Amino acid sequence: MDRLTALTVFRTVVELGSFAEAARQLRLSPAAVSKNIRELEAHLSVRLLNRTTRRMSLTEAGTLYHRRIARILDDLDEADTTLGPLQQQPRGLLRVSAPATVTLIALSEAIPGFLERYPDIALDLRLNDRRINIVEDGFDVAIRGSDRLENSSLIARKLLTMRHVLCCAPAYRDRVGAPADPDALRQHNCVQFTLSDHSDEWTFDKEGRSIAVPVDGRYKVSSSLAVRDALRAGFGVSLVPWIYVREDLKAGRLCTLLDDWTPDDTTLYAVYPSSRYVQAKLRVFIDFVVETLGGLDR
């Protein structure tokens, strides 16, 4: 028995006072209407309707039950009506998890403009470089940077490919010397971003040749901004997204190394639970992030 269908059939029969009229309105056969009523009564173990060939009437239990389920069905209709605008108009609370560095560098200045554009959206933005469980923690969407995404029931939309550069301070390069090839990094003090998928091994490509180099150093840290600060201080070398150090490179505070080798990229995704319907508030936020990040790493 489809319980919602059975409740709808019961209510319609009562309010129209006729099995035949209910069948016509619901576009069901009279037999299907009768079957739904019988199955509902069997489920409840109580007679709801007294019926003869000439007339139909509610039992006492049927009267009480009709009163209750009519309110419930009305509430369901109202809930559907309420949700309709959420699918069409961007509104409601949007909970977002995002990595701190990329948000502060590339997104946070544009967020007030997004909220001005959509005044019916309230944003709860949690900055956390660690991976969270979107569904269990109640988030609408998470922004994640990864070389690869794990298999899951989540939907992932690509936002940006973050190109990486190997860099250091000119003072470090002058003091220690520039590595001649990736393998020479074994002799350098490598500052490692511990939340990266490639924290302990950096991969480089050149003319179809790929080399993965195990790296180590005296400083391991879970913040990309802390990595950048260590590089500025001349402490070592690191592999970092270009957008994090572009101003330092432009100003000469940092310099690139192994320019003829290409490091692995990291792709940034918007990840959200699989659903047939994507609410308007989520759709416009993802579009905003794509628009803001578009062309940033070219």
C-alpha atoms as a PDB file:
ATOM      1  CA  MET A   1       0.000   0.000   0.000  1.00  0.00           C
ATOM      2  CA  ASP A   2       1.161   3.484  -0.907  1.00  0.00           C
ATOM      3  CA  ARG A   3       0.108   5.192   2.300  1.00  0.00           C
ATOM      4  CA  LEU A   4       0.039   8.741   0.931  1.00  0.00           C
ATOM      5  CA  THR A   5      -2.127   7.614  -1.991  1.00  0.00           C
ATOM      6  CA  ALA A   6      -4.448   5.733   0.355  1.00  0.00           C
ATOM      7  CA  LEU A   7      -4.842   8.797   2.601  1.00  0.00           C
ATOM      8  CA  THR A   8      -5.575  10.999  -0.409  1.00  0.00           C
ATOM      9  CA  VAL A   9      -8.147   8.501  -1.690  1.00  0.00           C
ATOM     10  CA  PHE A  10      -9.826   8.276   1.730  1.00  0.00           C
ATOM     11  CA  ARG A  11     -10.046  12.056   2.085  1.00  0.00           C
ATOM     12  CA  THR A  12     -11.436  12.478  -1.425  1.00  0.00           C
ATOM     13  CA  VAL A  13     -14.060   9.771  -0.913  1.00  0.00           C
ATOM     14  CA  VAL A  14     -15.207  11.409   2.327  1.00  0.00           C
ATOM     15  CA  GLU A  15     -15.330  14.936   0.953  1.00  0.00           C
ATOM     16  CA  LEU A  16     -17.108  13.955  -2.265  1.00  0.00           C
ATOM     17  CA  GLY A  17     -19.307  11.406  -0.541  1.00  0.00           C
ATOM     18  CA  SER A  18     -18.892   8.927  -3.352  1.00  0.00           C
ATOM     19  CA  PHE A  19     -16.462   6.248  -4.440  1.00  0.00           C
ATOM     20  CA  ALA A  20     -17.338   6.850  -8.081  1.00  0.00           C
ATOM     21  CA  GLU A  21     -16.814  10.625  -7.885  1.00  0.00           C
ATOM     22  CA  ALA A  22     -13.508  10.144  -6.069  1.00  0.00           C
ATOM     23  CA  ALA A  23     -12.379   7.723  -8.779  1.00  0.00           C
ATOM     24  CA  ARG A  24     -13.221  10.275 -11.489  1.00  0.00           C
ATOM     25  CA  GLN A  25     -11.434  13.151  -9.728  1.00  0.00           C
ATOM     26  CA  LEU A  26      -8.330  11.102  -8.928  1.00  0.00           C
ATOM     27  CA  ARG A  27      -8.345   9.407 -12.346  1.00  0.00           C
ATOM     28  CA  LEU A  28      -8.394   5.965 -10.765  1.00  0.00           C
ATOM     29  CA  SER A  29     -10.645   3.021 -11.404  1.00  0.00           C
ATOM     30  CA  PRO A  30     -13.451   2.413  -8.878  1.00  0.00           C
ATOM     31  CA  ALA A  31     -11.736  -0.875  -8.046  1.00  0.00           C
ATOM     32  CA  ALA A  32      -8.481   0.948  -7.218  1.00  0.00           C
ATOM     33  CA  VAL A  33     -10.366   3.352  -4.938  1.00  0.00           C
ATOM     34  CA  SER A  34     -12.034   0.480  -3.092  1.00  0.00           C
ATOM     35  CA  LYS A  35      -8.732  -1.359  -2.777  1.00  0.00           C
ATOM     36  CA  ASN A  36      -6.998   1.656  -1.225  1.00  0.00           C
ATOM     37  CA  ILE A  37      -9.775   2.051   1.351  1.00  0.00           C
ATOM     38  CA  ARG A  38      -9.660  -1.660   2.230  1.00  0.00           C
ATOM     39  CA  GLU A  39      -5.877  -1.660   2.601  1.00  0.00           C
ATOM     40  CA  LEU A  40      -5.974   1.486   4.748  1.00  0.00           C
ATOM     41  CA  GLU A  41      -8.579  -0.059   7.043  1.00  0.00           C
ATOM     42  CA  ALA A  42      -6.541  -3.269   7.257  1.00  0.00           C
ATOM     43  CA  HIS A  43      -3.422  -1.257   8.102  1.00  0.00           C
ATOM     44  CA  LEU A  44      -5.290   0.572  10.895  1.00  0.00           C
ATOM     45  CA  SER A  45      -7.278  -2.490  11.999  1.00  0.00           C
ATOM     46  CA  VAL A  46     -10.429  -0.363  12.136  1.00  0.00           C
ATOM     47  CA  ARG A  47     -13.421   0.318   9.893  1.00  0.00           C
ATOM     48  CA  LEU A  48     -13.430   3.880   8.594  1.00  0.00           C
ATOM     49  CA  LEU A  49     -16.498   3.828   6.353  1.00  0.00           C
ATOM     50  CA  ASN A  50     -19.892   2.223   6.483  1.00  0.00           C
ATOM     51  CA  ARG A  51     -20.928   1.536   2.940  1.00  0.00           C
ATOM     52  CA  THR A  52     -23.883  -0.079   1.222  1.00  0.00           C
ATOM     53  CA  THR A  53     -24.996  -0.125  -2.385  1.00  0.00           C
ATOM     54  CA  ARG A  54     -27.014   3.052  -1.754  1.00  0.00           C
ATOM     55  CA  ARG A  55     -25.037   5.198   0.650  1.00  0.00           C
ATOM     56  CA  MET A  56     -21.755   5.716   2.450  1.00  0.00           C
ATOM     57  CA  SER A  57     -21.098   7.168   5.913  1.00  0.00           C
ATOM     58  CA  LEU A  58     -18.165   7.679   8.247  1.00  0.00           C
ATOM     59  CA  THR A  59     -17.717   5.611  11.357  1.00  0.00           C
ATOM     60  CA  GLU A  60     -16.727   7.374  14.571  1.00  0.00           C
ATOM     61  CA  ALA A  61     -13.131   6.304  13.996  1.00  0.00           C
ATOM     62  CA  GLY A  62     -13.376   7.455  10.382  1.00  0.00           C
ATOM     63  CA  THR A  63     -14.579  10.897  11.455  1.00  0.00           C
ATOM     64  CA  LEU A  64     -11.649  11.347  13.858  1.00  0.00           C
ATOM     65  CA  TYR A  65      -9.150   9.982  11.346  1.00  0.00           C
ATOM     66  CA  HIS A  66     -10.427  12.189   8.521  1.00  0.00           C
ATOM     67  CA  ARG A  67     -10.107  15.276  10.702  1.00  0.00           C
ATOM     68  CA  ARG A  68      -6.484  14.486  11.509  1.00  0.00           C
ATOM     69  CA  ILE A  69      -5.271  13.385   8.088  1.00  0.00           C
ATOM     70  CA  ALA A  70      -6.967  16.338   6.366  1.00  0.00           C
ATOM     71  CA  ARG A  71      -4.736  18.684   8.394  1.00  0.00           C
ATOM     72  CA  ILE A  72      -1.680  16.575   7.589  1.00  0.00           C
ATOM     73  CA  LEU A  73      -2.404  16.552   3.854  1.00  0.00           C
ATOM     74  CA  ASP A  74      -3.033  20.312   3.931  1.00  0.00           C
ATOM     75  CA  ASP A  75       0.337  20.804   5.671  1.00  0.00           C
ATOM     76  CA  LEU A  76       2.043  18.719   2.991  1.00  0.00           C
ATOM     77  CA  ASP A  77       0.480  20.827   0.251  1.00  0.00           C
ATOM     78  CA  GLU A  78       1.555  23.985   2.054  1.00  0.00           C
ATOM     79  CA  ALA A  79       5.094  22.625   2.434  1.00  0.00           C
ATOM     80  CA  ASP A  80       5.272  21.934  -1.303  1.00  0.00           C
ATOM     81  CA  THR A  81       4.012  25.442  -2.020  1.00  0.00           C
ATOM     82  CA  THR A  82       6.566  26.936   0.365  1.00  0.00           C
ATOM     83  CA  LEU A  83       9.449  25.060  -1.242  1.00  0.00           C
ATOM     84  CA  GLY A  84       8.447  26.093  -4.735  1.00  0.00           C
ATOM     85  CA  PRO A  85       9.948  29.591  -4.490  1.00  0.00           C
ATOM     86  CA  LEU A  86      13.159  28.093  -3.051  1.00  0.00           C
ATOM     87  CA  GLN A  87      13.606  26.244  -6.329  1.00  0.00           C
ATOM     88  CA  GLN A  88      12.935  29.409  -8.363  1.00  0.00           C
ATOM     89  CA  GLN A  89      14.140  32.343  -6.233  1.00  0.00           C
ATOM     90  CA  PRO A  90      17.516  32.283  -4.431  1.00  0.00           C
ATOM     91  CA  ARG A  91      16.621  32.500  -0.744  1.00  0.00           C
ATOM     92  CA  GLY A  92      17.289  30.847   2.599  1.00  0.00           C
ATOM     93  CA  LEU A  93      20.315  29.908   4.682  1.00  0.00           C
ATOM     94  CA  LEU A  94      23.283  28.559   2.714  1.00  0.00           C
ATOM     95  CA  ARG A  95      25.918  26.639   4.693  1.00  0.00           C
ATOM     96  CA  VAL A  96      29.312  26.424   2.966  1.00  0.00           C
ATOM     97  CA  SER A  97      32.597  24.798   3.946  1.00  0.00           C
ATOM     98  CA  ALA A  98      35.686  26.123   2.167  1.00  0.00           C
ATOM     99  CA  PRO A  99      39.484  26.055   2.537  1.00  0.00           C
ATOM    100  CA  ALA A 100      40.747  29.131   4.327  1.00  0.00           C
ATOM    101  CA  THR A 101      43.591  30.223   2.042  1.00  0.00           C
ATOM    102  CA  VAL A 102      41.849  30.152  -1.326  1.00  0.00           C
ATOM    103  CA  THR A 103      38.790  31.825   0.212  1.00  0.00           C
ATOM    104  CA  LEU A 104      40.769  34.649   1.801  1.00  0.00           C
ATOM    105  CA  ILE A 105      42.913  35.198  -1.279  1.00  0.00           C
ATOM    106  CA  ALA A 106      40.381  34.779  -4.066  1.00  0.00           C
ATOM    107  CA  LEU A 107      36.789  34.874  -2.770  1.00  0.00           C
ATOM    108  CA  SER A 108      36.196  36.747   0.481  1.00  0.00           C
ATOM    109  CA  GLU A 109      36.389  40.265  -0.971  1.00  0.00           C
ATOM    110  CA  ALA A 110      33.692  39.382  -3.521  1.00  0.00           C
ATOM    111  CA  ILE A 111      31.262  37.728  -1.067  1.00  0.00           C
ATOM    112  CA  PRO A 112      29.608  40.972   0.177  1.00  0.00           C
ATOM    113  CA  GLY A 113      28.777  41.761  -3.455  1.00  0.00           C
ATOM    114  CA  PHE A 114      27.205  38.325  -3.850  1.00  0.00           C
ATOM    115  CA  LEU A 115      25.034  38.882  -0.767  1.00  0.00           C
ATOM    116  CA  GLU A 116      23.991  42.313  -2.030  1.00  0.00           C
ATOM    117  CA  ARG A 117      22.962  40.733  -5.335  1.00  0.00           C
ATOM    118  CA  TYR A 118      20.856  38.125  -3.505  1.00  0.00           C
ATOM    119  CA  PRO A 119      19.377  39.855  -0.437  1.00  0.00           C
ATOM    120  CA  ASP A 120      17.207  36.846   0.501  1.00  0.00           C
ATOM    121  CA  ILE A 121      20.239  34.560   0.997  1.00  0.00           C
ATOM    122  CA  ALA A 122      21.975  34.261   4.375  1.00  0.00           C
ATOM    123  CA  LEU A 123      25.479  32.758   4.216  1.00  0.00           C
ATOM    124  CA  ASP A 124      27.139  30.658   6.922  1.00  0.00           C
ATOM    125  CA  LEU A 125      30.709  30.225   5.625  1.00  0.00           C
ATOM    126  CA  ARG A 126      33.026  27.946   7.613  1.00  0.00           C
ATOM    127  CA  LEU A 127      36.721  28.153   6.718  1.00  0.00           C
ATOM    128  CA  ASN A 128      38.371  24.813   7.324  1.00  0.00           C
ATOM    129  CA  ASP A 129      41.217  23.243   5.371  1.00  0.00           C
ATOM    130  CA  ARG A 130      40.324  19.802   6.697  1.00  0.00           C
ATOM    131  CA  ARG A 131      37.849  17.609   4.844  1.00  0.00           C
ATOM    132  CA  ILE A 132      34.400  17.474   6.415  1.00  0.00           C
ATOM    133  CA  ASN A 133      31.412  15.179   5.927  1.00  0.00           C
ATOM    134  CA  ILE A 134      29.003  17.386   4.014  1.00  0.00           C
ATOM    135  CA  VAL A 135      25.845  15.424   4.781  1.00  0.00           C
ATOM    136  CA  GLU A 136      26.539  14.604   8.433  1.00  0.00           C
ATOM    137  CA  ASP A 137      27.726  18.127   9.225  1.00  0.00           C
ATOM    138  CA  GLY A 138      24.745  19.721   7.500  1.00  0.00           C
ATOM    139  CA  PHE A 139      26.497  21.690   4.743  1.00  0.00           C
ATOM    140  CA  ASP A 140      24.891  22.557   1.415  1.00  0.00           C
ATOM    141  CA  VAL A 141      28.233  22.597  -0.424  1.00  0.00           C
ATOM    142  CA  ALA A 142      31.958  22.253   0.223  1.00  0.00           C
ATOM    143  CA  ILE A 143      34.806  23.685  -1.813  1.00  0.00           C
ATOM    144  CA  ARG A 144      37.615  21.159  -2.040  1.00  0.00           C
ATOM    145  CA  GLY A 145      41.016  21.141  -3.627  1.00  0.00           C
ATOM    146  CA  SER A 146      42.265  17.740  -4.710  1.00  0.00           C
ATOM    147  CA  ASP A 147      44.330  15.931  -7.327  1.00  0.00           C
ATOM    148  CA  ARG A 148      41.565  13.323  -7.326  1.00  0.00           C
ATOM    149  CA  LEU A 149      38.136  12.920  -5.791  1.00  0.00           C
ATOM    150  CA  GLU A 150      37.088   9.807  -3.930  1.00  0.00           C
ATOM    151  CA  ASN A 151      34.149   7.850  -5.295  1.00  0.00           C
ATOM    152  CA  SER A 152      30.964   8.918  -3.544  1.00  0.00           C
ATOM    153  CA  SER A 153      27.359   9.844  -4.079  1.00  0.00           C
ATOM    154  CA  LEU A 154      28.348  13.525  -4.100  1.00  0.00           C
ATOM    155  CA  ILE A 155      28.194  15.752  -7.147  1.00  0.00           C
ATOM    156  CA  ALA A 156      31.425  17.605  -8.014  1.00  0.00           C
ATOM    157  CA  ARG A 157      31.626  20.662 -10.242  1.00  0.00           C
ATOM    158  CA  LYS A 158      35.061  21.804 -11.353  1.00  0.00           C
ATOM    159  CA  LEU A 159      35.832  25.374 -10.353  1.00  0.00           C
ATOM    160  CA  LEU A 160      39.506  26.013 -11.066  1.00  0.00           C
ATOM    161  CA  THR A 161      42.735  24.252 -11.914  1.00  0.00           C
ATOM    162  CA  MET A 162      45.383  25.665  -9.604  1.00  0.00           C
ATOM    163  CA  ARG A 163      48.794  25.702 -11.224  1.00  0.00           C
ATOM    164  CA  HIS A 164      51.673  25.113  -8.817  1.00  0.00           C
ATOM    165  CA  VAL A 165      55.140  26.628  -8.792  1.00  0.00           C
ATOM    166  CA  LEU A 166      58.285  25.615  -6.947  1.00  0.00           C
ATOM    167  CA  CYS A 167      59.638  28.724  -5.277  1.00  0.00           C
ATOM    168  CA  CYS A 168      61.790  30.214  -2.540  1.00  0.00           C
ATOM    169  CA  ALA A 169      63.189  33.559  -1.447  1.00  0.00           C
ATOM    170  CA  PRO A 170      66.108  34.925  -3.487  1.00  0.00           C
ATOM    171  CA  ALA A 171      68.146  34.938  -0.267  1.00  0.00           C
ATOM    172  CA  TYR A 172      67.635  31.180   0.151  1.00  0.00           C
ATOM    173  CA  ARG A 173      68.547  30.526  -3.495  1.00  0.00           C
ATOM    174  CA  ASP A 174      71.702  32.640  -3.210  1.00  0.00           C
ATOM    175  CA  ARG A 175      72.699  30.940   0.044  1.00  0.00           C
ATOM    176  CA  VAL A 176      71.936  27.295  -0.821  1.00  0.00           C
ATOM    177  CA  GLY A 177      71.855  27.308  -4.611  1.00  0.00           C
ATOM    178  CA  ALA A 178      69.056  26.458  -7.043  1.00  0.00           C
ATOM    179  CA  PRO A 179      68.294  22.763  -7.644  1.00  0.00           C
ATOM    180  CA  ALA A 180      69.430  21.590 -11.075  1.00  0.00           C
ATOM    181  CA  ASP A 181      66.643  19.034 -11.374  1.00  0.00           C
ATOM    182  CA  PRO A 182      63.768  17.690  -9.236  1.00  0.00           C
ATOM    183  CA  ASP A 183      65.901  14.952  -7.730  1.00  0.00           C
ATOM    184  CA  ALA A 184      68.145  17.620  -6.190  1.00  0.00           C
ATOM    185  CA  LEU A 185      65.255  18.622  -3.908  1.00  0.00           C
ATOM    186  CA  ARG A 186      66.251  15.724  -1.663  1.00  0.00           C
ATOM    187  CA  GLN A 187      69.112  17.932  -0.501  1.00  0.00           C
ATOM    188  CA  HIS A 188      66.928  20.967   0.209  1.00  0.00           C
ATOM    189  CA  ASN A 189      64.877  22.043   3.193  1.00  0.00           C
ATOM    190  CA  CYS A 190      61.346  21.541   1.830  1.00  0.00           C
ATOM    191  CA  VAL A 191      58.459  23.278   3.614  1.00  0.00           C
ATOM    192  CA  GLN A 192      55.511  20.873   3.473  1.00  0.00           C
ATOM    193  CA  PHE A 193      51.801  21.671   3.486  1.00  0.00           C
ATOM    194  CA  THR A 194      50.540  18.668   5.422  1.00  0.00           C
ATOM    195  CA  LEU A 195      46.927  18.732   4.166  1.00  0.00           C
ATOM    196  CA  SER A 196      48.020  18.368   0.554  1.00  0.00           C
ATOM    197  CA  ASP A 197      47.482  15.103  -1.318  1.00  0.00           C
ATOM    198  CA  HIS A 198      51.179  15.259  -2.251  1.00  0.00           C
ATOM    199  CA  SER A 199      52.727  16.483   0.991  1.00  0.00           C
ATOM    200  CA  ASP A 200      55.553  13.938   1.095  1.00  0.00           C
ATOM    201  CA  GLU A 201      56.126  13.503  -2.627  1.00  0.00           C
ATOM    202  CA  TRP A 202      56.249  16.160  -5.325  1.00  0.00           C
ATOM    203  CA  THR A 203      55.789  15.200  -8.978  1.00  0.00           C
ATOM    204  CA  PHE A 204      57.237  17.039 -11.973  1.00  0.00           C
ATOM    205  CA  ASP A 205      56.898  16.525 -15.736  1.00  0.00           C
ATOM    206  CA  LYS A 206      59.162  17.507 -18.590  1.00  0.00           C
ATOM    207  CA  GLU A 207      58.819  16.521 -22.254  1.00  0.00           C
ATOM    208  CA  GLY A 208      56.834  13.401 -21.428  1.00  0.00           C
ATOM    209  CA  ARG A 209      59.088  12.375 -18.567  1.00  0.00           C
ATOM    210  CA  SER A 210      57.627  12.273 -15.075  1.00  0.00           C
ATOM    211  CA  ILE A 211      59.557  12.106 -11.831  1.00  0.00           C
ATOM    212  CA  ALA A 212      58.175  11.789  -8.283  1.00  0.00           C
ATOM    213  CA  VAL A 213      60.535  13.051  -5.615  1.00  0.00           C
ATOM    214  CA  PRO A 214      60.211  12.181  -1.905  1.00  0.00           C
ATOM    215  CA  VAL A 215      60.650  15.410   0.040  1.00  0.00           C
ATOM    216  CA  ASP A 216      61.371  16.224   3.651  1.00  0.00           C
ATOM    217  CA  GLY A 217      62.204  19.211   5.784  1.00  0.00           C
ATOM    218  CA  ARG A 218      62.209  20.684   9.257  1.00  0.00           C
ATOM    219  CA  TYR A 219      58.889  22.486   8.872  1.00  0.00           C
ATOM    220  CA  LYS A 220      55.557  20.789   8.218  1.00  0.00           C
ATOM    221  CA  VAL A 221      52.434  22.944   8.598  1.00  0.00           C
ATOM    222  CA  SER A 222      48.705  22.707   7.861  1.00  0.00           C
ATOM    223  CA  SER A 223      48.341  26.285   6.552  1.00  0.00           C
ATOM    224  CA  SER A 224      49.316  27.441   3.063  1.00  0.00           C
ATOM    225  CA  LEU A 225      49.734  30.990   4.379  1.00  0.00           C
ATOM    226  CA  ALA A 226      52.248  29.700   6.931  1.00  0.00           C
ATOM    227  CA  VAL A 227      54.131  27.990   4.092  1.00  0.00           C
ATOM    228  CA  ARG A 228      54.236  31.302   2.240  1.00  0.00           C
ATOM    229  CA  ASP A 229      55.522  33.104   5.339  1.00  0.00           C
ATOM    230  CA  ALA A 230      58.310  30.549   5.712  1.00  0.00           C
ATOM    231  CA  LEU A 231      59.320  31.047   2.086  1.00  0.00           C
ATOM    232  CA  ARG A 232      59.350  34.822   2.495  1.00  0.00           C
ATOM    233  CA  ALA A 233      61.663  34.378   5.499  1.00  0.00           C
ATOM    234  CA  GLY A 234      64.123  32.412   3.353  1.00  0.00           C
ATOM    235  CA  PHE A 235      63.606  29.221   5.358  1.00  0.00           C
ATOM    236  CA  GLY A 236      63.354  26.773   2.444  1.00  0.00           C
ATOM    237  CA  VAL A 237      61.615  25.817  -0.797  1.00  0.00           C
ATOM    238  CA  SER A 238      58.040  24.708  -1.377  1.00  0.00           C
ATOM    239  CA  LEU A 239      55.556  23.735  -4.029  1.00  0.00           C
ATOM    240  CA  VAL A 240      52.582  26.109  -3.781  1.00  0.00           C
ATOM    241  CA  PRO A 241      49.639  27.261  -5.922  1.00  0.00           C
ATOM    242  CA  TRP A 242      50.689  30.187  -8.070  1.00  0.00           C
ATOM    243  CA  ILE A 243      47.696  32.302  -7.011  1.00  0.00           C
ATOM    244  CA  TYR A 244      48.958  32.234  -3.404  1.00  0.00           C
ATOM    245  CA  VAL A 245      52.361  33.716  -4.284  1.00  0.00           C
ATOM    246  CA  ARG A 246      51.722  35.692  -7.462  1.00  0.00           C
ATOM    247  CA  GLU A 247      52.138  39.076  -5.732  1.00  0.00           C
ATOM    248  CA  ASP A 248      55.341  37.900  -4.018  1.00  0.00           C
ATOM    249  CA  LEU A 249      56.746  36.726  -7.353  1.00  0.00           C
ATOM    250  CA  LYS A 250      55.789  40.007  -8.999  1.00  0.00           C
ATOM    251  CA  ALA A 251      57.423  42.018  -6.201  1.00  0.00           C
ATOM    252  CA  GLY A 252      60.571  39.880  -6.188  1.00  0.00           C
ATOM    253  CA  ARG A 253      60.076  38.619  -2.632  1.00  0.00           C
ATOM    254  CA  LEU A 254      60.018  35.080  -4.045  1.00  0.00           C
ATOM    255  CA  CYS A 255      61.456  33.485  -7.157  1.00  0.00           C
ATOM    256  CA  THR A 256      60.565  30.330  -9.068  1.00  0.00           C
ATOM    257  CA  LEU A 257      62.791  27.285  -9.467  1.00  0.00           C
ATOM    258  CA  LEU A 258      62.921  24.473 -12.049  1.00  0.00           C
ATOM    259  CA  ASP A 259      60.952  26.542 -14.547  1.00  0.00           C
ATOM    260  CA  ASP A 260      61.488  23.957 -17.290  1.00  0.00           C
ATOM    261  CA  TRP A 261      59.648  21.329 -15.203  1.00  0.00           C
ATOM    262  CA  THR A 262      55.860  21.298 -14.708  1.00  0.00           C
ATOM    263  CA  PRO A 263      54.532  20.335 -11.252  1.00  0.00           C
ATOM    264  CA  ASP A 264      51.217  18.565 -10.745  1.00  0.00           C
ATOM    265  CA  ASP A 265      48.130  20.767 -10.617  1.00  0.00           C
ATOM    266  CA  THR A 266      45.406  20.755  -7.964  1.00  0.00           C
ATOM    267  CA  THR A 267      41.795  21.061  -9.067  1.00  0.00           C
ATOM    268  CA  LEU A 268      39.262  22.967  -7.009  1.00  0.00           C
ATOM    269  CA  TYR A 269      35.745  21.527  -6.907  1.00  0.00           C
ATOM    270  CA  ALA A 270      32.354  22.490  -5.519  1.00  0.00           C
ATOM    271  CA  VAL A 271      31.020  19.305  -3.945  1.00  0.00           C
ATOM    272  CA  TYR A 272      27.404  18.882  -2.877  1.00  0.00           C
ATOM    273  CA  PRO A 273      24.969  16.057  -2.129  1.00  0.00           C
ATOM    274  CA  SER A 274      23.383  14.335  -5.084  1.00  0.00           C
ATOM    275  CA  SER A 275      19.828  15.485  -5.684  1.00  0.00           C
ATOM    276  CA  ARG A 276      17.403  15.646  -8.537  1.00  0.00           C
ATOM    277  CA  TYR A 277      16.718  19.287  -7.707  1.00  0.00           C
ATOM    278  CA  VAL A 278      19.418  21.847  -6.919  1.00  0.00           C
ATOM    279  CA  GLN A 279      18.009  24.732  -4.907  1.00  0.00           C
ATOM    280  CA  ALA A 280      18.378  28.163  -6.446  1.00  0.00           C
ATOM    281  CA  LYS A 281      20.480  29.462  -3.528  1.00  0.00           C
ATOM    282  CA  LEU A 282      23.081  26.734  -4.155  1.00  0.00           C
ATOM    283  CA  ARG A 283      23.020  27.145  -7.920  1.00  0.00           C
ATOM    284  CA  VAL A 284      23.664  30.891  -7.844  1.00  0.00           C
ATOM    285  CA  PHE A 285      26.434  30.511  -5.232  1.00  0.00           C
ATOM    286  CA  ILE A 286      28.302  27.958  -7.339  1.00  0.00           C
ATOM    287  CA  ASP A 287      27.875  30.182 -10.399  1.00  0.00           C
ATOM    288  CA  PHE A 288      29.268  33.090  -8.357  1.00  0.00           C
ATOM    289  CA  VAL A 289      32.348  31.077  -7.352  1.00  0.00           C
ATOM    290  CA  VAL A 290      32.946  29.967 -10.956  1.00  0.00           C
ATOM    291  CA  GLU A 291      32.601  33.572 -12.142  1.00  0.00           C
ATOM    292  CA  THR A 292      34.917  34.919  -9.442  1.00  0.00           C
ATOM    293  CA  LEU A 293      37.622  32.328  -9.962  1.00  0.00           C
ATOM    294  CA  GLY A 294      37.335  32.319 -13.741  1.00  0.00           C
ATOM    295  CA  GLY A 295      40.604  33.244 -15.398  1.00  0.00           C
ATOM    296  CA  LEU A 296      42.311  33.714 -12.035  1.00  0.00           C
ATOM    297  CA  ASP A 297      45.107  31.236 -12.697  1.00  0.00           C
ATOM    298  CA  ARG A 298      45.816  32.056 -16.310  1.00  0.00           C
END
